[in-house]
C-alpha atoms as a PDB file:
ATOM      1  CA  UNK A   1     -20.833 -20.530 -36.062  1.00  0.00           C
ATOM      2  CA  UNK A   2     -23.242 -17.624 -35.709  1.00  0.00           C
ATOM      3  CA  UNK A   3     -22.199 -13.985 -35.745  1.00  0.00           C
ATOM      4  CA  UNK A   4     -23.369 -12.033 -32.702  1.00  0.00           C
ATOM      5  CA  UNK A   5     -24.946  -8.749 -33.708  1.00  0.00           C
ATOM      6  CA  UNK A   6     -26.646  -5.739 -32.170  1.00  0.00           C
ATOM      7  CA  UNK A   7     -28.970  -3.152 -33.695  1.00  0.00           C
ATOM      8  CA  UNK A   8     -28.586   0.535 -32.841  1.00  0.00           C
ATOM      9  CA  UNK A   9     -31.294   2.911 -34.063  1.00  0.00           C
ATOM     10  CA  UNK A  10     -33.325   5.612 -32.343  1.00  0.00           C
ATOM     11  CA  UNK A  11     -36.475   4.721 -34.312  1.00  0.00           C
ATOM     12  CA  UNK A  12     -38.427   1.702 -32.922  1.00  0.00           C
ATOM     13  CA  UNK A  13     -39.980   0.792 -36.329  1.00  0.00           C
ATOM     14  CA  UNK A  14     -36.482   0.596 -37.856  1.00  0.00           C
ATOM     15  CA  UNK A  15     -35.328  -1.650 -35.005  1.00  0.00           C
ATOM     16  CA  UNK A  16     -38.314  -3.964 -35.475  1.00  0.00           C
ATOM     17  CA  UNK A  17     -37.682  -4.239 -39.207  1.00  0.00           C
ATOM     18  CA  UNK A  18     -33.994  -5.132 -38.717  1.00  0.00           C
ATOM     19  CA  UNK A  19     -34.840  -7.598 -35.941  1.00  0.00           C
ATOM     20  CA  UNK A  20     -37.205  -9.307 -38.356  1.00  0.00           C
ATOM     21  CA  UNK A  21     -34.517  -9.443 -41.040  1.00  0.00           C
ATOM     22  CA  UNK A  22     -31.854 -10.770 -38.654  1.00  0.00           C
ATOM     23  CA  UNK A  23     -34.218 -13.521 -37.479  1.00  0.00           C
ATOM     24  CA  UNK A  24     -34.477 -14.781 -41.065  1.00  0.00           C
ATOM     25  CA  UNK A  25     -30.698 -15.193 -41.519  1.00  0.00           C
ATOM     26  CA  UNK A  26     -29.309 -18.382 -40.018  1.00  0.00           C
ATOM     27  CA  UNK A  27     -25.763 -17.157 -39.445  1.00  0.00           C
ATOM     28  CA  UNK A  28     -26.792 -14.065 -37.439  1.00  0.00           C
ATOM     29  CA  UNK A  29     -27.664 -14.029 -33.727  1.00  0.00           C
ATOM     30  CA  UNK A  30     -29.135 -10.821 -32.311  1.00  0.00           C
ATOM     31  CA  UNK A  31     -27.851 -10.247 -28.781  1.00  0.00           C
ATOM     32  CA  UNK A  32     -29.191  -6.743 -28.261  1.00  0.00           C
ATOM     33  CA  UNK A  33     -31.152  -3.801 -29.657  1.00  0.00           C
ATOM     34  CA  UNK A  34     -30.603  -0.224 -28.532  1.00  0.00           C
ATOM     35  CA  UNK A  35     -32.298   3.106 -29.215  1.00  0.00           C
ATOM     36  CA  UNK A  36     -29.572   4.919 -27.260  1.00  0.00           C
ATOM     37  CA  UNK A  37     -26.023   4.981 -28.660  1.00  0.00           C
ATOM     38  CA  UNK A  38     -24.453   5.381 -25.199  1.00  0.00           C
ATOM     39  CA  UNK A  39     -26.236   2.262 -23.957  1.00  0.00           C
ATOM     40  CA  UNK A  40     -24.965   0.428 -27.020  1.00  0.00           C
ATOM     41  CA  UNK A  41     -21.428   1.601 -26.290  1.00  0.00           C
ATOM     42  CA  UNK A  42     -21.670   0.353 -22.690  1.00  0.00           C
ATOM     43  CA  UNK A  43     -22.914  -3.037 -23.930  1.00  0.00           C
ATOM     44  CA  UNK A  44     -20.058  -3.297 -26.428  1.00  0.00           C
ATOM     45  CA  UNK A  45     -17.576  -2.611 -23.631  1.00  0.00           C
ATOM     46  CA  UNK A  46     -18.803  -5.618 -21.670  1.00  0.00           C
ATOM     47  CA  UNK A  47     -19.783  -8.117 -24.367  1.00  0.00           C
ATOM     48  CA  UNK A  48     -18.219  -9.666 -27.445  1.00  0.00           C
ATOM     49  CA  UNK A  49     -20.104  -8.567 -30.551  1.00  0.00           C
ATOM     50  CA  UNK A  50     -19.204  -9.382 -34.151  1.00  0.00           C
ATOM     51  CA  UNK A  51     -21.476  -6.957 -36.020  1.00  0.00           C
ATOM     52  CA  UNK A  52     -23.272  -3.678 -35.354  1.00  0.00           C
ATOM     53  CA  UNK A  53     -26.138  -2.551 -37.564  1.00  0.00           C
ATOM     54  CA  UNK A  54     -25.769   1.148 -36.873  1.00  0.00           C
ATOM     55  CA  UNK A  55     -27.954   4.133 -37.659  1.00  0.00           C
ATOM     56  CA  UNK A  56     -26.022   7.360 -38.312  1.00  0.00           C
ATOM     57  CA  UNK A  57     -28.434  10.079 -37.189  1.00  0.00           C
ATOM     58  CA  UNK A  58     -28.509   9.398 -33.440  1.00  0.00           C
ATOM     59  CA  UNK A  59     -28.852  11.773 -30.446  1.00  0.00           C
ATOM     60  CA  UNK A  60     -25.948  12.274 -28.019  1.00  0.00           C
ATOM     61  CA  UNK A  61     -23.479  10.175 -30.008  1.00  0.00           C
ATOM     62  CA  UNK A  62     -23.894   9.774 -33.777  1.00  0.00           C
ATOM     63  CA  UNK A  63     -23.356   6.482 -35.526  1.00  0.00           C
ATOM     64  CA  UNK A  64     -20.219   7.809 -37.191  1.00  0.00           C
ATOM     65  CA  UNK A  65     -18.798   8.858 -33.814  1.00  0.00           C
ATOM     66  CA  UNK A  66     -19.724   5.544 -32.228  1.00  0.00           C
ATOM     67  CA  UNK A  67     -18.106   3.570 -35.046  1.00  0.00           C
ATOM     68  CA  UNK A  68     -14.774   5.253 -34.302  1.00  0.00           C
ATOM     69  CA  UNK A  69     -14.618   4.057 -30.698  1.00  0.00           C
ATOM     70  CA  UNK A  70     -16.099   0.567 -30.730  1.00  0.00           C
ATOM     71  CA  UNK A  71     -13.714  -2.429 -30.717  1.00  0.00           C
ATOM     72  CA  UNK A  72     -11.795  -2.789 -33.963  1.00  0.00           C
ATOM     73  CA  UNK A  73     -12.809  -6.432 -34.217  1.00  0.00           C
ATOM     74  CA  UNK A  74     -16.477  -5.439 -34.506  1.00  0.00           C
ATOM     75  CA  UNK A  75     -17.783  -4.991 -38.040  1.00  0.00           C
ATOM     76  CA  UNK A  76     -20.133  -2.098 -38.843  1.00  0.00           C
ATOM     77  CA  UNK A  77     -22.986  -1.938 -41.326  1.00  0.00           C
ATOM     78  CA  UNK A  78     -24.489   1.542 -41.426  1.00  0.00           C
ATOM     79  CA  UNK A  79     -28.249   1.982 -41.841  1.00  0.00           C
ATOM     80  CA  UNK A  80     -29.523   5.461 -42.627  1.00  0.00           C
ATOM     81  CA  UNK A  81     -32.022   7.501 -44.594  1.00  0.00           C
ATOM     82  CA  UNK A  82     -29.318   9.964 -45.654  1.00  0.00           C
ATOM     83  CA  UNK A  83     -27.098   9.042 -48.639  1.00  0.00           C
ATOM     84  CA  UNK A  84     -24.840  12.060 -47.975  1.00  0.00           C
ATOM     85  CA  UNK A  85     -23.000  10.093 -45.272  1.00  0.00           C
ATOM     86  CA  UNK A  86     -22.040   7.175 -47.520  1.00  0.00           C
ATOM     87  CA  UNK A  87     -18.544   8.384 -48.407  1.00  0.00           C
ATOM     88  CA  UNK A  88     -17.598   9.078 -44.799  1.00  0.00           C
ATOM     89  CA  UNK A  89     -19.079   5.755 -43.772  1.00  0.00           C
ATOM     90  CA  UNK A  90     -16.881   3.822 -46.193  1.00  0.00           C
ATOM     91  CA  UNK A  91     -13.862   5.892 -45.146  1.00  0.00           C
ATOM     92  CA  UNK A  92     -14.374   4.329 -41.721  1.00  0.00           C
ATOM     93  CA  UNK A  93     -14.057   0.859 -43.304  1.00  0.00           C
ATOM     94  CA  UNK A  94     -17.706  -0.004 -42.885  1.00  0.00           C
ATOM     95  CA  UNK A  95     -18.651  -3.398 -44.298  1.00  0.00           C
ATOM     96  CA  UNK A  96     -21.636  -1.879 -46.067  1.00  0.00           C
ATOM     97  CA  UNK A  97     -23.969   1.104 -46.131  1.00  0.00           C
ATOM     98  CA  UNK A  98     -27.715   0.481 -46.331  1.00  0.00           C
ATOM     99  CA  UNK A  99     -30.066   3.254 -47.375  1.00  0.00           C
ATOM    100  CA  UNK A 100     -33.549   3.263 -45.831  1.00  0.00           C
ATOM    101  CA  UNK A 101     -36.077   1.958 -46.641  1.00  0.00           C
ATOM    102  CA  UNK A 102     -34.046  -1.253 -46.582  1.00  0.00           C
ATOM    103  CA  UNK A 103     -35.350  -4.206 -48.564  1.00  0.00           C
ATOM    104  CA  UNK A 104     -34.560  -7.703 -47.288  1.00  0.00           C
ATOM    105  CA  UNK A 105     -32.669  -8.645 -50.447  1.00  0.00           C
ATOM    106  CA  UNK A 106     -30.310  -5.697 -49.937  1.00  0.00           C
ATOM    107  CA  UNK A 107     -29.942  -6.490 -46.207  1.00  0.00           C
ATOM    108  CA  UNK A 108     -29.101 -10.099 -47.028  1.00  0.00           C
ATOM    109  CA  UNK A 109     -26.456  -8.982 -49.487  1.00  0.00           C
ATOM    110  CA  UNK A 110     -24.774  -6.851 -46.830  1.00  0.00           C
ATOM    111  CA  UNK A 111     -24.970  -9.587 -44.193  1.00  0.00           C
ATOM    112  CA  UNK A 112     -23.448 -12.110 -46.596  1.00  0.00           C
ATOM    113  CA  UNK A 113     -20.290  -9.996 -46.754  1.00  0.00           C
ATOM    114  CA  UNK A 114     -19.766 -10.841 -43.082  1.00  0.00           C
ATOM    115  CA  UNK A 115     -20.241 -14.564 -43.386  1.00  0.00           C
ATOM    116  CA  UNK A 116     -17.208 -16.766 -43.947  1.00  0.00           C
ATOM    117  CA  UNK A 117     -19.362 -19.900 -44.165  1.00  0.00           C
ATOM    118  CA  UNK A 118     -21.024 -21.103 -47.384  1.00  0.00           C
ATOM    119  CA  UNK A 119     -24.239 -19.232 -48.063  1.00  0.00           C
ATOM    120  CA  UNK A 120     -27.270 -21.201 -49.233  1.00  0.00           C
ATOM    121  CA  UNK A 121     -28.292 -18.685 -51.884  1.00  0.00           C
ATOM    122  CA  UNK A 122     -26.492 -15.967 -53.737  1.00  0.00           C
ATOM    123  CA  UNK A 123     -28.082 -12.529 -53.372  1.00  0.00           C
ATOM    124  CA  UNK A 124     -28.459 -10.255 -56.383  1.00  0.00           C
ATOM    125  CA  UNK A 125     -25.693  -7.671 -56.570  1.00  0.00           C
ATOM    126  CA  UNK A 126     -26.843  -4.110 -56.116  1.00  0.00           C
ATOM    127  CA  UNK A 127     -25.925  -1.944 -59.088  1.00  0.00           C
ATOM    128  CA  UNK A 128     -25.122   1.715 -58.512  1.00  0.00           C
ATOM    129  CA  UNK A 129     -25.677   3.379 -61.875  1.00  0.00           C
ATOM    130  CA  UNK A 130     -26.905   3.072 -65.440  1.00  0.00           C
ATOM    131  CA  UNK A 131     -25.666   4.455 -68.729  1.00  0.00           C
ATOM    132  CA  UNK A 132     -28.625   5.919 -70.601  1.00  0.00           C
ATOM    133  CA  UNK A 133     -28.499   6.639 -74.322  1.00  0.00           C
ATOM    134  CA  UNK A 134     -29.652  10.209 -74.982  1.00  0.00           C
ATOM    135  CA  UNK A 135     -29.443  12.713 -77.842  1.00  0.00           C
ATOM    136  CA  UNK A 136     -30.267  10.103 -80.452  1.00  0.00           C
ATOM    137  CA  UNK A 137     -27.519   7.469 -80.573  1.00  0.00           C
ATOM    138  CA  UNK A 138     -24.534   9.712 -79.958  1.00  0.00           C
ATOM    139  CA  UNK A 139     -24.386  10.159 -76.194  1.00  0.00           C
ATOM    140  CA  UNK A 140     -24.428   7.951 -73.103  1.00  0.00           C
ATOM    141  CA  UNK A 141     -25.308   9.700 -69.845  1.00  0.00           C
ATOM    142  CA  UNK A 142     -24.389   8.163 -66.495  1.00  0.00           C
ATOM    143  CA  UNK A 143     -27.296   8.117 -64.028  1.00  0.00           C
ATOM    144  CA  UNK A 144     -26.909   7.051 -60.399  1.00  0.00           C
ATOM    145  CA  UNK A 145     -29.808   4.804 -59.456  1.00  0.00           C
ATOM    146  CA  UNK A 146     -30.193   6.480 -56.064  1.00  0.00           C
ATOM    147  CA  UNK A 147     -31.012   9.744 -57.901  1.00  0.00           C
ATOM    148  CA  UNK A 148     -33.842   8.346 -60.036  1.00  0.00           C
ATOM    149  CA  UNK A 149     -37.258   9.544 -58.848  1.00  0.00           C
ATOM    150  CA  UNK A 150     -39.439   7.911 -61.493  1.00  0.00           C
ATOM    151  CA  UNK A 151     -39.562   6.837 -65.129  1.00  0.00           C
ATOM    152  CA  UNK A 152     -42.346   8.039 -67.413  1.00  0.00           C
ATOM    153  CA  UNK A 153     -43.387   6.407 -70.694  1.00  0.00           C
ATOM    154  CA  UNK A 154     -43.741   8.808 -73.634  1.00  0.00           C
ATOM    155  CA  UNK A 155     -44.860   6.742 -76.646  1.00  0.00           C
ATOM    156  CA  UNK A 156     -41.586   5.275 -77.998  1.00  0.00           C
ATOM    157  CA  UNK A 157     -39.462   7.061 -75.408  1.00  0.00           C
ATOM    158  CA  UNK A 158     -38.952   7.044 -71.651  1.00  0.00           C
ATOM    159  CA  UNK A 159     -38.222  10.103 -69.560  1.00  0.00           C
ATOM    160  CA  UNK A 160     -36.102   9.464 -66.476  1.00  0.00           C
ATOM    161  CA  UNK A 161     -36.846  12.060 -63.822  1.00  0.00           C
ATOM    162  CA  UNK A 162     -33.940  12.395 -61.376  1.00  0.00           C
ATOM    163  CA  UNK A 163     -33.278  14.641 -58.412  1.00  0.00           C
ATOM    164  CA  UNK A 164     -31.303  16.972 -60.673  1.00  0.00           C
ATOM    165  CA  UNK A 165     -32.581  16.678 -64.248  1.00  0.00           C
ATOM    166  CA  UNK A 166     -34.660  14.803 -66.835  1.00  0.00           C
ATOM    167  CA  UNK A 167     -33.238  12.447 -69.448  1.00  0.00           C
ATOM    168  CA  UNK A 168     -35.167  11.177 -72.474  1.00  0.00           C
ATOM    169  CA  UNK A 169     -34.097   7.905 -74.023  1.00  0.00           C
ATOM    170  CA  UNK A 170     -35.447   5.821 -76.899  1.00  0.00           C
ATOM    171  CA  UNK A 171     -36.606   2.785 -74.951  1.00  0.00           C
ATOM    172  CA  UNK A 172     -39.639   1.085 -73.436  1.00  0.00           C
ATOM    173  CA  UNK A 173     -40.782   1.191 -69.838  1.00  0.00           C
ATOM    174  CA  UNK A 174     -40.385  -2.595 -69.742  1.00  0.00           C
ATOM    175  CA  UNK A 175     -36.680  -2.337 -70.644  1.00  0.00           C
ATOM    176  CA  UNK A 176     -36.137   0.338 -68.011  1.00  0.00           C
ATOM    177  CA  UNK A 177     -37.864  -1.729 -65.318  1.00  0.00           C
ATOM    178  CA  UNK A 178     -35.706  -4.760 -66.147  1.00  0.00           C
ATOM    179  CA  UNK A 179     -32.584  -2.597 -65.781  1.00  0.00           C
ATOM    180  CA  UNK A 180     -33.471  -1.345 -62.294  1.00  0.00           C
ATOM    181  CA  UNK A 181     -33.161  -3.219 -58.954  1.00  0.00           C
ATOM    182  CA  UNK A 182     -36.485  -4.923 -58.298  1.00  0.00           C
ATOM    183  CA  UNK A 183     -36.201  -4.280 -54.557  1.00  0.00           C
ATOM    184  CA  UNK A 184     -36.036  -0.502 -55.041  1.00  0.00           C
ATOM    185  CA  UNK A 185     -38.392   0.218 -57.947  1.00  0.00           C
ATOM    186  CA  UNK A 186     -41.973  -0.724 -58.724  1.00  0.00           C
ATOM    187  CA  UNK A 187     -44.362  -0.048 -61.595  1.00  0.00           C
ATOM    188  CA  UNK A 188     -47.529   1.713 -60.425  1.00  0.00           C
ATOM    189  CA  UNK A 189     -49.162   2.531 -63.782  1.00  0.00           C
ATOM    190  CA  UNK A 190     -48.751   1.629 -67.444  1.00  0.00           C
ATOM    191  CA  UNK A 191     -46.816   4.886 -67.783  1.00  0.00           C
ATOM    192  CA  UNK A 192     -44.870   5.095 -64.506  1.00  0.00           C
ATOM    193  CA  UNK A 193     -42.154   3.318 -62.547  1.00  0.00           C
ATOM    194  CA  UNK A 194     -41.225   4.876 -59.209  1.00  0.00           C
ATOM    195  CA  UNK A 195     -38.358   4.668 -56.712  1.00  0.00           C
ATOM    196  CA  UNK A 196     -39.642   3.464 -53.331  1.00  0.00           C
ATOM    197  CA  UNK A 197     -37.080   5.483 -51.388  1.00  0.00           C
ATOM    198  CA  UNK A 198     -38.370   8.765 -52.831  1.00  0.00           C
ATOM    199  CA  UNK A 199     -42.049   8.232 -51.969  1.00  0.00           C
ATOM    200  CA  UNK A 200     -43.317  10.971 -49.672  1.00  0.00           C
ATOM    201  CA  UNK A 201     -46.856   9.597 -49.222  1.00  0.00           C
ATOM    202  CA  UNK A 202     -49.477   7.490 -50.932  1.00  0.00           C
ATOM    203  CA  UNK A 203     -53.203   6.736 -50.819  1.00  0.00           C
ATOM    204  CA  UNK A 204     -55.438   4.350 -52.745  1.00  0.00           C
ATOM    205  CA  UNK A 205     -55.175   6.329 -55.950  1.00  0.00           C
ATOM    206  CA  UNK A 206     -51.930   8.325 -56.046  1.00  0.00           C
ATOM    207  CA  UNK A 207     -48.275   8.424 -55.092  1.00  0.00           C
ATOM    208  CA  UNK A 208     -46.604  11.669 -54.085  1.00  0.00           C
ATOM    209  CA  UNK A 209     -42.871  12.150 -54.533  1.00  0.00           C
ATOM    210  CA  UNK A 210     -40.666  15.179 -54.976  1.00  0.00           C
ATOM    211  CA  UNK A 211     -43.689  17.474 -55.259  1.00  0.00           C
ATOM    212  CA  UNK A 212     -45.287  15.364 -58.006  1.00  0.00           C
ATOM    213  CA  UNK A 213     -48.540  13.375 -57.874  1.00  0.00           C
ATOM    214  CA  UNK A 214     -48.594  10.188 -59.956  1.00  0.00           C
ATOM    215  CA  UNK A 215     -51.611   7.906 -60.484  1.00  0.00           C
ATOM    216  CA  UNK A 216     -51.744   4.294 -59.288  1.00  0.00           C
ATOM    217  CA  UNK A 217     -53.288   2.139 -62.028  1.00  0.00           C
ATOM    218  CA  UNK A 218     -55.805  -0.553 -61.130  1.00  0.00           C
ATOM    219  CA  UNK A 219     -53.689  -3.257 -62.791  1.00  0.00           C
ATOM    220  CA  UNK A 220     -50.664  -2.447 -60.636  1.00  0.00           C
ATOM    221  CA  UNK A 221     -52.368  -1.482 -57.362  1.00  0.00           C
ATOM    222  CA  UNK A 222     -52.225  -4.863 -55.597  1.00  0.00           C
ATOM    223  CA  UNK A 223     -48.535  -5.464 -56.338  1.00  0.00           C
ATOM    224  CA  UNK A 224     -47.651  -1.917 -55.344  1.00  0.00           C
ATOM    225  CA  UNK A 225     -49.386  -2.066 -51.981  1.00  0.00           C
ATOM    226  CA  UNK A 226     -47.912  -5.497 -51.237  1.00  0.00           C
ATOM    227  CA  UNK A 227     -44.552  -3.791 -51.636  1.00  0.00           C
ATOM    228  CA  UNK A 228     -45.602  -0.972 -49.325  1.00  0.00           C
ATOM    229  CA  UNK A 229     -46.703  -3.510 -46.699  1.00  0.00           C
ATOM    230  CA  UNK A 230     -43.058  -4.591 -46.317  1.00  0.00           C
ATOM    231  CA  UNK A 231     -42.324  -1.231 -44.723  1.00  0.00           C
ATOM    232  CA  UNK A 232     -45.616  -0.579 -42.960  1.00  0.00           C
ATOM    233  CA  UNK A 233     -45.633  -0.140 -39.183  1.00  0.00           C
END
């Protein structure tokens, strides 16, 4: 039995991406897409829907407001570019909270929480944080993955640049890359791993994020831009 779902987002590229993802999942059936939250509400009042993929930052009626008045039987998966709303979203008993840009692997994981039927493959669980050894061997610092901007190789050390600070750990860039979700991070140079969600812009030679310009190495260019193509409109 398929789960009937609708997509609510005021950005057409985001709707197209989610429609593409839904089409790939056999137990989901898209019955509507809406760029207007009031139109979505009217549709929900007249049709049975199992799941709403719901953006939060919407005009007229926000996703959080809409989630409070839709039928209780309808599950909600929030999709947003703003992590600040996560706590409130889960307080509303959302099934999941997806942070844009949304990779298919992460989308599949969220959708699988809705499915009561056997799933053909098991998605990789999304980790939320790492413990990084700093100050020699005496201290472990907790780092939320969503806060990591990029990792920089410094001979026998790696510097993790986050939104708030820098942490230096005795490790290799290879070990750091293996510890991070492959859907959210990509190596762009022998000395740099970056977080896709923090990219501000890119060209053929550089990536710009958080006011920093990082080089794209020739060895990593093709793989990096294949990753970018997943989100290109």
